[in-house]
Amino acid sequence: MADCSKLPTCIFFNDQMDEMPTVAYLMKKQYCQGDFEVCARYRVAQKLGGPNVPRDLYPNDTARAEKLLSAA
């Protein structure tokens, strides 16, 4: 499977969660370098544009992503 096309600009992939390297590694492997189409950040960026992705939105925060998408 290909990596997410948003990796170069994704703040989550680029150094978020430095204080939890093991958790960050697992999440990046699952969402950023795996099934990125279910990533909450990816989904919001696709529908609302990259600048509209909250900085603190985590890849697995699908409930929050759904709220953002339904409010748009």
C-alpha atoms as a PDB file:
ATOM      1  CA  MET A   1       0.000   0.000   0.000  1.00  0.00           C
ATOM      2  CA  ALA A   2       1.228   3.497  -0.809  1.00  0.00           C
ATOM      3  CA  ASP A   3       1.991   6.183   1.742  1.00  0.00           C
ATOM      4  CA  CYS A   4      -0.455   9.029   2.258  1.00  0.00           C
ATOM      5  CA  SER A   5       0.027  11.869  -0.215  1.00  0.00           C
ATOM      6  CA  LYS A   6      -0.293  14.366   2.634  1.00  0.00           C
ATOM      7  CA  LEU A   7       2.827  13.192   4.514  1.00  0.00           C
ATOM      8  CA  PRO A   8       5.033  16.147   3.558  1.00  0.00           C
ATOM      9  CA  THR A   9       2.660  18.664   5.157  1.00  0.00           C
ATOM     10  CA  CYS A  10       0.971  16.596   7.875  1.00  0.00           C
ATOM     11  CA  ILE A  11       1.899  17.908  11.296  1.00  0.00           C
ATOM     12  CA  PHE A  12       0.965  14.606  12.885  1.00  0.00           C
ATOM     13  CA  PHE A  13       3.410  12.659  10.749  1.00  0.00           C
ATOM     14  CA  ASN A  14       6.095  15.287  11.162  1.00  0.00           C
ATOM     15  CA  ASP A  15       6.940  15.258  14.859  1.00  0.00           C
ATOM     16  CA  GLN A  16       3.645  15.270  16.719  1.00  0.00           C
ATOM     17  CA  MET A  17       3.746  12.905  19.681  1.00  0.00           C
ATOM     18  CA  ASP A  18       7.523  13.077  20.149  1.00  0.00           C
ATOM     19  CA  GLU A  19       6.935  12.306  23.816  1.00  0.00           C
ATOM     20  CA  MET A  20       5.298   8.974  22.907  1.00  0.00           C
ATOM     21  CA  PRO A  21       7.520   7.497  20.188  1.00  0.00           C
ATOM     22  CA  THR A  22       6.108   3.954  20.324  1.00  0.00           C
ATOM     23  CA  VAL A  23       2.482   5.074  20.064  1.00  0.00           C
ATOM     24  CA  ALA A  24       3.405   7.565  17.335  1.00  0.00           C
ATOM     25  CA  TYR A  25       5.235   4.863  15.389  1.00  0.00           C
ATOM     26  CA  LEU A  26       2.252   2.505  15.535  1.00  0.00           C
ATOM     27  CA  MET A  27      -0.227   5.187  14.515  1.00  0.00           C
ATOM     28  CA  LYS A  28       1.987   6.373  11.657  1.00  0.00           C
ATOM     29  CA  LYS A  29       2.413   2.813  10.456  1.00  0.00           C
ATOM     30  CA  GLN A  30      -1.335   2.163  10.581  1.00  0.00           C
ATOM     31  CA  TYR A  31      -2.654   5.440   9.179  1.00  0.00           C
ATOM     32  CA  CYS A  32       0.139   7.306   7.376  1.00  0.00           C
ATOM     33  CA  GLN A  33       1.845   4.339   5.787  1.00  0.00           C
ATOM     34  CA  GLY A  34      -1.108   2.017   5.716  1.00  0.00           C
ATOM     35  CA  ASP A  35      -4.829   2.593   5.435  1.00  0.00           C
ATOM     36  CA  PHE A  36      -4.580   6.383   5.171  1.00  0.00           C
ATOM     37  CA  GLU A  37      -8.051   6.759   3.659  1.00  0.00           C
ATOM     38  CA  VAL A  38      -9.594   6.091   7.089  1.00  0.00           C
ATOM     39  CA  CYS A  39      -7.344   8.666   8.776  1.00  0.00           C
ATOM     40  CA  ALA A  40      -9.447  11.430  10.327  1.00  0.00           C
ATOM     41  CA  ARG A  41      -6.896  14.075   9.287  1.00  0.00           C
ATOM     42  CA  TYR A  42      -6.840  12.816   5.694  1.00  0.00           C
ATOM     43  CA  ARG A  43     -10.616  12.744   5.426  1.00  0.00           C
ATOM     44  CA  VAL A  44     -11.010  16.291   6.745  1.00  0.00           C
ATOM     45  CA  ALA A  45      -8.240  17.571   4.466  1.00  0.00           C
ATOM     46  CA  GLN A  46      -9.833  15.911   1.440  1.00  0.00           C
ATOM     47  CA  LYS A  47     -13.261  17.431   2.089  1.00  0.00           C
ATOM     48  CA  LEU A  48     -12.459  20.776   3.741  1.00  0.00           C
ATOM     49  CA  GLY A  49      -8.903  21.485   2.624  1.00  0.00           C
ATOM     50  CA  GLY A  50      -5.623  21.154   4.494  1.00  0.00           C
ATOM     51  CA  PRO A  51      -5.782  24.513   6.299  1.00  0.00           C
ATOM     52  CA  ASN A  52      -9.070  23.420   7.892  1.00  0.00           C
ATOM     53  CA  VAL A  53      -7.607  20.375   9.639  1.00  0.00           C
ATOM     54  CA  PRO A  54      -7.295  21.162  13.362  1.00  0.00           C
ATOM     55  CA  ARG A  55      -3.700  20.885  14.591  1.00  0.00           C
ATOM     56  CA  ASP A  56      -4.783  18.599  17.432  1.00  0.00           C
ATOM     57  CA  LEU A  57      -6.855  16.194  15.330  1.00  0.00           C
ATOM     58  CA  TYR A  58      -5.407  12.699  15.615  1.00  0.00           C
ATOM     59  CA  PRO A  59      -5.654  10.095  12.850  1.00  0.00           C
ATOM     60  CA  ASN A  60      -7.939   7.902  14.938  1.00  0.00           C
ATOM     61  CA  ASP A  61     -10.288  10.709  16.008  1.00  0.00           C
ATOM     62  CA  THR A  62     -13.033   9.685  13.601  1.00  0.00           C
ATOM     63  CA  ALA A  63     -15.909  10.951  15.763  1.00  0.00           C
ATOM     64  CA  ARG A  64     -14.483  14.457  15.758  1.00  0.00           C
ATOM     65  CA  ALA A  65     -13.795  14.261  12.023  1.00  0.00           C
ATOM     66  CA  GLU A  66     -17.423  13.267  11.412  1.00  0.00           C
ATOM     67  CA  LYS A  67     -18.612  16.306  13.380  1.00  0.00           C
ATOM     68  CA  LEU A  68     -16.339  18.601  11.354  1.00  0.00           C
ATOM     69  CA  LEU A  69     -17.478  17.090   8.082  1.00  0.00           C
ATOM     70  CA  SER A  70     -21.163  17.173   8.920  1.00  0.00           C
ATOM     71  CA  ALA A  71     -20.940  20.823  10.017  1.00  0.00           C
ATOM     72  CA  ALA A  72     -19.461  21.840   6.668  1.00  0.00           C
END
